[in-house]
Amino acid sequence: MRQYELVLILGPQVPDDEVPDTFDRLIRRPVESNGGEVQQIDQWGRRKLAYPINKQSEGHYVVAQLRLEPPQIPELARGLTISEEVLRHLFVRRDEAES
């Protein structure tokens, strides 16, 4: 398994108290059902975006550390792309030296 970092921006239509449930539904369940692991979640909260995305000027930022197999990344990315709640997402592979 490899280490990945996920940066996720949820739209402002997601209420603040529903962000953890939304993350669980979109990320935690698919990762863990395929044998992966969510190691850490850091919620940055609602922030103003540098530029509008889909006519939205703010969003909920969530950063997560994941351990999963490389073939799982396209599946997760596809699910995040079609979700109406997600404005942007970015997967970054962490180098072994950083761990």
PDB file of N, CA and C in Angstrom:
ATOM      1  N   MET A   1       0.845  -1.185   0.000  1.00  0.00           N
ATOM      2  CA  MET A   1       0.000   0.000   0.000  1.00  0.00           C
ATOM      3  C   MET A   1       0.883   1.238   0.000  1.00  0.00           C
ATOM      4  N   ARG A   2       0.349   2.288  -0.576  1.00  0.00           N
ATOM      5  CA  ARG A   2       1.080   3.552  -0.650  1.00  0.00           C
ATOM      6  C   ARG A   2       0.357   4.622   0.165  1.00  0.00           C
ATOM      7  N   GLN A   3       1.125   5.647   0.520  1.00  0.00           N
ATOM      8  CA  GLN A   3       0.602   6.785   1.267  1.00  0.00           C
ATOM      9  C   GLN A   3       0.146   7.857   0.282  1.00  0.00           C
ATOM     10  N   TYR A   4      -1.042   8.395   0.511  1.00  0.00           N
ATOM     11  CA  TYR A   4      -1.568   9.478  -0.317  1.00  0.00           C
ATOM     12  C   TYR A   4      -2.130  10.574   0.577  1.00  0.00           C
ATOM     13  N   GLU A   5      -2.129  11.776   0.033  1.00  0.00           N
ATOM     14  CA  GLU A   5      -2.792  12.894   0.699  1.00  0.00           C
ATOM     15  C   GLU A   5      -3.922  13.352  -0.223  1.00  0.00           C
ATOM     16  N   LEU A   6      -5.073  13.565   0.345  1.00  0.00           N
ATOM     17  CA  LEU A   6      -6.236  14.015  -0.411  1.00  0.00           C
ATOM     18  C   LEU A   6      -6.649  15.386   0.094  1.00  0.00           C
ATOM     19  N   VAL A   7      -6.752  16.335  -0.823  1.00  0.00           N
ATOM     20  CA  VAL A   7      -7.311  17.647  -0.500  1.00  0.00           C
ATOM     21  C   VAL A   7      -8.668  17.707  -1.182  1.00  0.00           C
ATOM     22  N   LEU A   8      -9.683  17.985  -0.396  1.00  0.00           N
ATOM     23  CA  LEU A   8     -11.062  17.947  -0.869  1.00  0.00           C
ATOM     24  C   LEU A   8     -11.731  19.266  -0.528  1.00  0.00           C
ATOM     25  N   ILE A   9     -12.403  19.870  -1.503  1.00  0.00           N
ATOM     26  CA  ILE A   9     -13.173  21.086  -1.254  1.00  0.00           C
ATOM     27  C   ILE A   9     -14.636  20.761  -1.498  1.00  0.00           C
ATOM     28  N   LEU A  10     -15.411  20.805  -0.423  1.00  0.00           N
ATOM     29  CA  LEU A  10     -16.855  20.574  -0.514  1.00  0.00           C
ATOM     30  C   LEU A  10     -17.552  21.909  -0.700  1.00  0.00           C
ATOM     31  N   GLY A  11     -18.646  21.901  -1.430  1.00  0.00           N
ATOM     32  CA  GLY A  11     -19.395  23.127  -1.704  1.00  0.00           C
ATOM     33  C   GLY A  11     -20.043  23.709  -0.457  1.00  0.00           C
ATOM     34  N   PRO A  12     -20.372  24.986  -0.501  1.00  0.00           N
ATOM     35  CA  PRO A  12     -20.975  25.641   0.663  1.00  0.00           C
ATOM     36  C   PRO A  12     -22.394  25.163   0.964  1.00  0.00           C
ATOM     37  N   GLN A  13     -23.017  24.413   0.051  1.00  0.00           N
ATOM     38  CA  GLN A  13     -24.360  23.901   0.310  1.00  0.00           C
ATOM     39  C   GLN A  13     -24.348  22.791   1.354  1.00  0.00           C
ATOM     40  N   VAL A  14     -23.162  22.229   1.638  1.00  0.00           N
ATOM     41  CA  VAL A  14     -23.038  21.200   2.682  1.00  0.00           C
ATOM     42  C   VAL A  14     -22.970  21.921   4.029  1.00  0.00           C
ATOM     43  N   PRO A  15     -23.937  21.690   4.919  1.00  0.00           N
ATOM     44  CA  PRO A  15     -23.893  22.349   6.236  1.00  0.00           C
ATOM     45  C   PRO A  15     -22.649  21.934   7.025  1.00  0.00           C
ATOM     46  N   ASP A  16     -22.163  22.829   7.875  1.00  0.00           N
ATOM     47  CA  ASP A  16     -20.947  22.575   8.643  1.00  0.00           C
ATOM     48  C   ASP A  16     -21.015  21.280   9.446  1.00  0.00           C
ATOM     49  N   ASP A  17     -22.160  20.989  10.037  1.00  0.00           N
ATOM     50  CA  ASP A  17     -22.274  19.798  10.872  1.00  0.00           C
ATOM     51  C   ASP A  17     -22.396  18.502  10.054  1.00  0.00           C
ATOM     52  N   GLU A  18     -22.601  18.599   8.744  1.00  0.00           N
ATOM     53  CA  GLU A  18     -22.705  17.409   7.895  1.00  0.00           C
ATOM     54  C   GLU A  18     -21.413  17.089   7.141  1.00  0.00           C
ATOM     55  N   VAL A  19     -20.374  17.904   7.309  1.00  0.00           N
ATOM     56  CA  VAL A  19     -19.110  17.662   6.613  1.00  0.00           C
ATOM     57  C   VAL A  19     -18.505  16.314   6.999  1.00  0.00           C
ATOM     58  N   PRO A  20     -18.435  15.937   8.294  1.00  0.00           N
ATOM     59  CA  PRO A  20     -17.880  14.609   8.621  1.00  0.00           C
ATOM     60  C   PRO A  20     -18.678  13.451   8.012  1.00  0.00           C
ATOM     61  N   ASP A  21     -20.001  13.542   8.013  1.00  0.00           N
ATOM     62  CA  ASP A  21     -20.824  12.486   7.420  1.00  0.00           C
ATOM     63  C   ASP A  21     -20.605  12.397   5.906  1.00  0.00           C
ATOM     64  N   THR A  22     -20.480  13.544   5.257  1.00  0.00           N
ATOM     65  CA  THR A  22     -20.237  13.577   3.821  1.00  0.00           C
ATOM     66  C   THR A  22     -18.877  12.963   3.503  1.00  0.00           C
ATOM     67  N   PHE A  23     -17.865  13.288   4.308  1.00  0.00           N
ATOM     68  CA  PHE A  23     -16.534  12.703   4.105  1.00  0.00           C
ATOM     69  C   PHE A  23     -16.578  11.185   4.282  1.00  0.00           C
ATOM     70  N   ASP A  24     -17.280  10.735   5.310  1.00  0.00           N
ATOM     71  CA  ASP A  24     -17.393   9.290   5.538  1.00  0.00           C
ATOM     72  C   ASP A  24     -18.034   8.593   4.340  1.00  0.00           C
ATOM     73  N   ARG A  25     -19.086   9.184   3.815  1.00  0.00           N
ATOM     74  CA  ARG A  25     -19.810   8.579   2.694  1.00  0.00           C
ATOM     75  C   ARG A  25     -18.980   8.573   1.408  1.00  0.00           C
ATOM     76  N   LEU A  26     -18.269   9.678   1.150  1.00  0.00           N
ATOM     77  CA  LEU A  26     -17.531   9.813  -0.104  1.00  0.00           C
ATOM     78  C   LEU A  26     -16.146   9.173  -0.073  1.00  0.00           C
ATOM     79  N   ILE A  27     -15.491   9.147   1.092  1.00  0.00           N
ATOM     80  CA  ILE A  27     -14.102   8.690   1.158  1.00  0.00           C
ATOM     81  C   ILE A  27     -13.908   7.488   2.076  1.00  0.00           C
ATOM     82  N   ARG A  28     -14.257   7.623   3.348  1.00  0.00           N
ATOM     83  CA  ARG A  28     -13.925   6.587   4.323  1.00  0.00           C
ATOM     84  C   ARG A  28     -14.512   5.216   3.955  1.00  0.00           C
ATOM     85  N   ARG A  29     -15.795   5.163   3.654  1.00  0.00           N
ATOM     86  CA  ARG A  29     -16.420   3.862   3.337  1.00  0.00           C
ATOM     87  C   ARG A  29     -15.815   3.203   2.102  1.00  0.00           C
ATOM     88  N   PRO A  30     -15.657   3.933   0.973  1.00  0.00           N
ATOM     89  CA  PRO A  30     -15.042   3.283  -0.198  1.00  0.00           C
ATOM     90  C   PRO A  30     -13.597   2.837   0.053  1.00  0.00           C
ATOM     91  N   VAL A  31     -12.823   3.650   0.778  1.00  0.00           N
ATOM     92  CA  VAL A  31     -11.429   3.287   1.045  1.00  0.00           C
ATOM     93  C   VAL A  31     -11.358   2.039   1.915  1.00  0.00           C
ATOM     94  N   GLU A  32     -12.110   2.032   3.013  1.00  0.00           N
ATOM     95  CA  GLU A  32     -12.037   0.906   3.943  1.00  0.00           C
ATOM     96  C   GLU A  32     -12.674  -0.361   3.385  1.00  0.00           C
ATOM     97  N   SER A  33     -13.678  -0.224   2.528  1.00  0.00           N
ATOM     98  CA  SER A  33     -14.296  -1.421   1.942  1.00  0.00           C
ATOM     99  C   SER A  33     -13.363  -2.122   0.958  1.00  0.00           C
ATOM    100  N   ASN A  34     -12.365  -1.400   0.447  1.00  0.00           N
ATOM    101  CA  ASN A  34     -11.388  -1.989  -0.476  1.00  0.00           C
ATOM    102  C   ASN A  34     -10.060  -2.287   0.207  1.00  0.00           C
ATOM    103  N   GLY A  35     -10.045  -2.323   1.526  1.00  0.00           N
ATOM    104  CA  GLY A  35      -8.837  -2.698   2.252  1.00  0.00           C
ATOM    105  C   GLY A  35      -7.886  -1.560   2.541  1.00  0.00           C
ATOM    106  N   GLY A  36      -8.260  -0.334   2.242  1.00  0.00           N
ATOM    107  CA  GLY A  36      -7.416   0.820   2.522  1.00  0.00           C
ATOM    108  C   GLY A  36      -7.632   1.333   3.935  1.00  0.00           C
ATOM    109  N   GLU A  37      -6.990   2.454   4.236  1.00  0.00           N
ATOM    110  CA  GLU A  37      -7.044   3.000   5.589  1.00  0.00           C
ATOM    111  C   GLU A  37      -7.009   4.526   5.539  1.00  0.00           C
ATOM    112  N   VAL A  38      -7.904   5.158   6.279  1.00  0.00           N
ATOM    113  CA  VAL A  38      -7.867   6.609   6.454  1.00  0.00           C
ATOM    114  C   VAL A  38      -7.095   6.852   7.744  1.00  0.00           C
ATOM    115  N   GLN A  39      -5.901   7.444   7.625  1.00  0.00           N
ATOM    116  CA  GLN A  39      -5.040   7.592   8.788  1.00  0.00           C
ATOM    117  C   GLN A  39      -5.315   8.864   9.573  1.00  0.00           C
ATOM    118  N   GLN A  40      -5.588   9.942   8.881  1.00  0.00           N
ATOM    119  CA  GLN A  40      -5.779  11.230   9.561  1.00  0.00           C
ATOM    120  C   GLN A  40      -6.697  12.108   8.729  1.00  0.00           C
ATOM    121  N   ILE A  41      -7.539  12.867   9.413  1.00  0.00           N
ATOM    122  CA  ILE A  41      -8.435  13.819   8.752  1.00  0.00           C
ATOM    123  C   ILE A  41      -8.245  15.170   9.417  1.00  0.00           C
ATOM    124  N   ASP A  42      -8.032  16.196   8.616  1.00  0.00           N
ATOM    125  CA  ASP A  42      -7.859  17.549   9.131  1.00  0.00           C
ATOM    126  C   ASP A  42      -8.880  18.441   8.438  1.00  0.00           C
ATOM    127  N   GLN A  43      -9.886  18.887   9.177  1.00  0.00           N
ATOM    128  CA  GLN A  43     -10.916  19.768   8.610  1.00  0.00           C
ATOM    129  C   GLN A  43     -10.488  21.211   8.829  1.00  0.00           C
ATOM    130  N   TRP A  44     -10.297  21.905   7.734  1.00  0.00           N
ATOM    131  CA  TRP A  44      -9.888  23.299   7.817  1.00  0.00           C
ATOM    132  C   TRP A  44     -11.085  24.231   7.960  1.00  0.00           C
ATOM    133  N   GLY A  45     -12.258  23.728   7.704  1.00  0.00           N
ATOM    134  CA  GLY A  45     -13.461  24.540   7.825  1.00  0.00           C
ATOM    135  C   GLY A  45     -13.810  25.263   6.536  1.00  0.00           C
ATOM    136  N   ARG A  46     -14.759  26.179   6.662  1.00  0.00           N
ATOM    137  CA  ARG A  46     -15.240  26.945   5.508  1.00  0.00           C
ATOM    138  C   ARG A  46     -14.275  28.099   5.251  1.00  0.00           C
ATOM    139  N   ARG A  47     -13.805  28.183   4.011  1.00  0.00           N
ATOM    140  CA  ARG A  47     -12.854  29.230   3.633  1.00  0.00           C
ATOM    141  C   ARG A  47     -13.235  29.830   2.294  1.00  0.00           C
ATOM    142  N   LYS A  48     -12.775  31.037   2.102  1.00  0.00           N
ATOM    143  CA  LYS A  48     -12.993  31.723   0.834  1.00  0.00           C
ATOM    144  C   LYS A  48     -12.036  31.144  -0.212  1.00  0.00           C
ATOM    145  N   LEU A  49     -12.559  30.883  -1.398  1.00  0.00           N
ATOM    146  CA  LEU A  49     -11.750  30.341  -2.485  1.00  0.00           C
ATOM    147  C   LEU A  49     -10.944  31.449  -3.154  1.00  0.00           C
ATOM    148  N   ALA A  50      -9.809  31.107  -3.713  1.00  0.00           N
ATOM    149  CA  ALA A  50      -8.969  32.089  -4.409  1.00  0.00           C
ATOM    150  C   ALA A  50      -9.663  32.613  -5.665  1.00  0.00           C
ATOM    151  N   TYR A  51     -10.488  31.783  -6.274  1.00  0.00           N
ATOM    152  CA  TYR A  51     -11.246  32.165  -7.459  1.00  0.00           C
ATOM    153  C   TYR A  51     -12.533  31.343  -7.453  1.00  0.00           C
ATOM    154  N   PRO A  52     -13.594  31.846  -8.075  1.00  0.00           N
ATOM    155  CA  PRO A  52     -14.861  31.097  -8.073  1.00  0.00           C
ATOM    156  C   PRO A  52     -14.742  29.763  -8.804  1.00  0.00           C
ATOM    157  N   ILE A  53     -15.349  28.736  -8.215  1.00  0.00           N
ATOM    158  CA  ILE A  53     -15.435  27.419  -8.839  1.00  0.00           C
ATOM    159  C   ILE A  53     -16.918  27.086  -8.941  1.00  0.00           C
ATOM    160  N   ASN A  54     -17.397  26.867 -10.147  1.00  0.00           N
ATOM    161  CA  ASN A  54     -18.821  26.594 -10.381  1.00  0.00           C
ATOM    162  C   ASN A  54     -19.711  27.666  -9.734  1.00  0.00           C
ATOM    163  N   LYS A  55     -19.301  28.902  -9.862  1.00  0.00           N
ATOM    164  CA  LYS A  55     -20.024  30.069  -9.341  1.00  0.00           C
ATOM    165  C   LYS A  55     -20.103  30.089  -7.813  1.00  0.00           C
ATOM    166  N   GLN A  56     -19.224  29.342  -7.138  1.00  0.00           N
ATOM    167  CA  GLN A  56     -19.165  29.335  -5.674  1.00  0.00           C
ATOM    168  C   GLN A  56     -17.916  30.098  -5.245  1.00  0.00           C
ATOM    169  N   SER A  57     -18.017  30.882  -4.180  1.00  0.00           N
ATOM    170  CA  SER A  57     -16.878  31.669  -3.724  1.00  0.00           C
ATOM    171  C   SER A  57     -16.263  31.146  -2.430  1.00  0.00           C
ATOM    172  N   GLU A  58     -16.876  30.124  -1.819  1.00  0.00           N
ATOM    173  CA  GLU A  58     -16.286  29.527  -0.627  1.00  0.00           C
ATOM    174  C   GLU A  58     -16.606  28.042  -0.589  1.00  0.00           C
ATOM    175  N   GLY A  59     -15.850  27.323   0.242  1.00  0.00           N
ATOM    176  CA  GLY A  59     -16.056  25.893   0.356  1.00  0.00           C
ATOM    177  C   GLY A  59     -15.437  25.345   1.630  1.00  0.00           C
ATOM    178  N   HIS A  60     -15.762  24.124   1.963  1.00  0.00           N
ATOM    179  CA  HIS A  60     -15.220  23.427   3.139  1.00  0.00           C
ATOM    180  C   HIS A  60     -13.974  22.663   2.703  1.00  0.00           C
ATOM    181  N   TYR A  61     -12.855  22.960   3.320  1.00  0.00           N
ATOM    182  CA  TYR A  61     -11.613  22.271   3.008  1.00  0.00           C
ATOM    183  C   TYR A  61     -11.415  21.102   3.967  1.00  0.00           C
ATOM    184  N   VAL A  62     -11.060  19.942   3.414  1.00  0.00           N
ATOM    185  CA  VAL A  62     -10.745  18.755   4.201  1.00  0.00           C
ATOM    186  C   VAL A  62      -9.469  18.156   3.617  1.00  0.00           C
ATOM    187  N   VAL A  63      -8.487  17.877   4.491  1.00  0.00           N
ATOM    188  CA  VAL A  63      -7.239  17.241   4.076  1.00  0.00           C
ATOM    189  C   VAL A  63      -7.152  15.905   4.804  1.00  0.00           C
ATOM    190  N   ALA A  64      -6.874  14.833   4.067  1.00  0.00           N
ATOM    191  CA  ALA A  64      -6.830  13.498   4.662  1.00  0.00           C
ATOM    192  C   ALA A  64      -5.575  12.760   4.222  1.00  0.00           C
ATOM    193  N   GLN A  65      -5.038  11.972   5.137  1.00  0.00           N
ATOM    194  CA  GLN A  65      -3.913  11.079   4.848  1.00  0.00           C
ATOM    195  C   GLN A  65      -4.498   9.677   4.670  1.00  0.00           C
ATOM    196  N   LEU A  66      -4.203   9.053   3.540  1.00  0.00           N
ATOM    197  CA  LEU A  66      -4.766   7.748   3.203  1.00  0.00           C
ATOM    198  C   LEU A  66      -3.656   6.737   2.909  1.00  0.00           C
ATOM    199  N   ARG A  67      -3.947   5.478   3.170  1.00  0.00           N
ATOM    200  CA  ARG A  67      -3.104   4.355   2.728  1.00  0.00           C
ATOM    201  C   ARG A  67      -3.992   3.452   1.890  1.00  0.00           C
ATOM    202  N   LEU A  68      -3.618   3.288   0.618  1.00  0.00           N
ATOM    203  CA  LEU A  68      -4.401   2.435  -0.255  1.00  0.00           C
ATOM    204  C   LEU A  68      -3.582   2.008  -1.452  1.00  0.00           C
ATOM    205  N   GLU A  69      -4.122   1.047  -2.166  1.00  0.00           N
ATOM    206  CA  GLU A  69      -3.452   0.534  -3.360  1.00  0.00           C
ATOM    207  C   GLU A  69      -3.673   1.505  -4.528  1.00  0.00           C
ATOM    208  N   PRO A  70      -2.679   1.672  -5.400  1.00  0.00           N
ATOM    209  CA  PRO A  70      -2.801   2.606  -6.524  1.00  0.00           C
ATOM    210  C   PRO A  70      -4.031   2.410  -7.413  1.00  0.00           C
ATOM    211  N   PRO A  71      -4.504   1.173  -7.689  1.00  0.00           N
ATOM    212  CA  PRO A  71      -5.691   1.042  -8.542  1.00  0.00           C
ATOM    213  C   PRO A  71      -6.965   1.638  -7.935  1.00  0.00           C
ATOM    214  N   GLN A  72      -6.975   1.905  -6.636  1.00  0.00           N
ATOM    215  CA  GLN A  72      -8.160   2.491  -6.006  1.00  0.00           C
ATOM    216  C   GLN A  72      -8.310   3.982  -6.306  1.00  0.00           C
ATOM    217  N   ILE A  73      -7.232   4.656  -6.662  1.00  0.00           N
ATOM    218  CA  ILE A  73      -7.270   6.102  -6.887  1.00  0.00           C
ATOM    219  C   ILE A  73      -8.248   6.481  -8.001  1.00  0.00           C
ATOM    220  N   PRO A  74      -8.191   5.856  -9.184  1.00  0.00           N
ATOM    221  CA  PRO A  74      -9.150   6.245 -10.231  1.00  0.00           C
ATOM    222  C   PRO A  74     -10.608   6.038  -9.822  1.00  0.00           C
ATOM    223  N   GLU A  75     -10.890   4.975  -9.062  1.00  0.00           N
ATOM    224  CA  GLU A  75     -12.260   4.735  -8.597  1.00  0.00           C
ATOM    225  C   GLU A  75     -12.733   5.860  -7.683  1.00  0.00           C
ATOM    226  N   LEU A  76     -11.888   6.224  -6.717  1.00  0.00           N
ATOM    227  CA  LEU A  76     -12.251   7.311  -5.803  1.00  0.00           C
ATOM    228  C   LEU A  76     -12.392   8.638  -6.548  1.00  0.00           C
ATOM    229  N   ALA A  77     -11.465   8.916  -7.440  1.00  0.00           N
ATOM    230  CA  ALA A  77     -11.506  10.174  -8.198  1.00  0.00           C
ATOM    231  C   ALA A  77     -12.773  10.263  -9.042  1.00  0.00           C
ATOM    232  N   ARG A  78     -13.176   9.161  -9.633  1.00  0.00           N
ATOM    233  CA  ARG A  78     -14.395   9.154 -10.449  1.00  0.00           C
ATOM    234  C   ARG A  78     -15.616   9.473  -9.582  1.00  0.00           C
ATOM    235  N   GLY A  79     -15.676   8.855  -8.400  1.00  0.00           N
ATOM    236  CA  GLY A  79     -16.792   9.126  -7.488  1.00  0.00           C
ATOM    237  C   GLY A  79     -16.829  10.567  -7.035  1.00  0.00           C
ATOM    238  N   LEU A  80     -15.650  11.152  -6.776  1.00  0.00           N
ATOM    239  CA  LEU A  80     -15.597  12.554  -6.347  1.00  0.00           C
ATOM    240  C   LEU A  80     -15.958  13.501  -7.485  1.00  0.00           C
ATOM    241  N   THR A  81     -15.576  13.133  -8.702  1.00  0.00           N
ATOM    242  CA  THR A  81     -15.866  13.984  -9.860  1.00  0.00           C
ATOM    243  C   THR A  81     -17.365  14.076 -10.123  1.00  0.00           C
ATOM    244  N   ILE A  82     -18.088  12.977  -9.958  1.00  0.00           N
ATOM    245  CA  ILE A  82     -19.519  13.013 -10.260  1.00  0.00           C
ATOM    246  C   ILE A  82     -20.378  13.502  -9.086  1.00  0.00           C
ATOM    247  N   SER A  83     -19.778  13.615  -7.908  1.00  0.00           N
ATOM    248  CA  SER A  83     -20.528  14.095  -6.749  1.00  0.00           C
ATOM    249  C   SER A  83     -20.800  15.591  -6.866  1.00  0.00           C
ATOM    250  N   GLU A  84     -22.034  15.984  -6.650  1.00  0.00           N
ATOM    251  CA  GLU A  84     -22.400  17.395  -6.728  1.00  0.00           C
ATOM    252  C   GLU A  84     -21.886  18.195  -5.532  1.00  0.00           C
ATOM    253  N   GLU A  85     -21.547  17.513  -4.453  1.00  0.00           N
ATOM    254  CA  GLU A  85     -21.083  18.201  -3.242  1.00  0.00           C
ATOM    255  C   GLU A  85     -19.620  18.606  -3.320  1.00  0.00           C
ATOM    256  N   VAL A  86     -18.847  17.989  -4.210  1.00  0.00           N
ATOM    257  CA  VAL A  86     -17.407  18.225  -4.299  1.00  0.00           C
ATOM    258  C   VAL A  86     -17.121  19.263  -5.382  1.00  0.00           C
ATOM    259  N   LEU A  87     -16.432  20.350  -4.980  1.00  0.00           N
ATOM    260  CA  LEU A  87     -16.019  21.357  -5.953  1.00  0.00           C
ATOM    261  C   LEU A  87     -14.703  20.954  -6.623  1.00  0.00           C
ATOM    262  N   ARG A  88     -13.724  20.533  -5.819  1.00  0.00           N
ATOM    263  CA  ARG A  88     -12.419  20.107  -6.337  1.00  0.00           C
ATOM    264  C   ARG A  88     -11.842  19.032  -5.413  1.00  0.00           C
ATOM    265  N   HIS A  89     -10.963  18.228  -5.991  1.00  0.00           N
ATOM    266  CA  HIS A  89     -10.219  17.253  -5.195  1.00  0.00           C
ATOM    267  C   HIS A  89      -8.841  17.080  -5.823  1.00  0.00           C
ATOM    268  N   LEU A  90      -7.889  16.667  -4.996  1.00  0.00           N
ATOM    269  CA  LEU A  90      -6.532  16.450  -5.467  1.00  0.00           C
ATOM    270  C   LEU A  90      -5.904  15.331  -4.646  1.00  0.00           C
ATOM    271  N   PHE A  91      -5.431  14.287  -5.332  1.00  0.00           N
ATOM    272  CA  PHE A  91      -4.689  13.216  -4.697  1.00  0.00           C
ATOM    273  C   PHE A  91      -3.216  13.456  -4.953  1.00  0.00           C
ATOM    274  N   VAL A  92      -2.391  13.354  -3.915  1.00  0.00           N
ATOM    275  CA  VAL A  92      -0.948  13.498  -4.043  1.00  0.00           C
ATOM    276  C   VAL A  92      -0.294  12.300  -3.380  1.00  0.00           C
ATOM    277  N   ARG A  93       0.597  11.629  -4.090  1.00  0.00           N
ATOM    278  CA  ARG A  93       1.326  10.498  -3.507  1.00  0.00           C
ATOM    279  C   ARG A  93       2.450  11.057  -2.649  1.00  0.00           C
ATOM    280  N   ARG A  94       2.502  10.614  -1.417  1.00  0.00           N
ATOM    281  CA  ARG A  94       3.562  11.049  -0.511  1.00  0.00           C
ATOM    282  C   ARG A  94       4.783  10.171  -0.716  1.00  0.00           C
ATOM    283  N   ASP A  95       5.945  10.781  -0.749  1.00  0.00           N
ATOM    284  CA  ASP A  95       7.185  10.029  -0.917  1.00  0.00           C
ATOM    285  C   ASP A  95       7.475   9.198   0.322  1.00  0.00           C
ATOM    286  N   GLU A  96       8.154   8.114   0.125  1.00  0.00           N
ATOM    287  CA  GLU A  96       8.522   7.246   1.240  1.00  0.00           C
ATOM    288  C   GLU A  96       9.425   7.970   2.232  1.00  0.00           C
ATOM    289  N   ALA A  97      10.219   8.931   1.775  1.00  0.00           N
ATOM    290  CA  ALA A  97      11.138   9.667   2.655  1.00  0.00           C
ATOM    291  C   ALA A  97      10.390  10.541   3.655  1.00  0.00           C
ATOM    292  N   GLU A  98       9.197  11.011   3.289  1.00  0.00           N
ATOM    293  CA  GLU A  98       8.414  11.881   4.166  1.00  0.00           C
ATOM    294  C   GLU A  98       7.792  11.100   5.326  1.00  0.00           C
ATOM    295  N   SER A  99       7.544   9.834   5.144  1.00  0.00           N
ATOM    296  CA  SER A  99       6.824   9.032   6.144  1.00  0.00           C
ATOM    297  C   SER A  99       7.625   8.799   7.387  1.00  0.00           C
TER     298      SER A  99
END
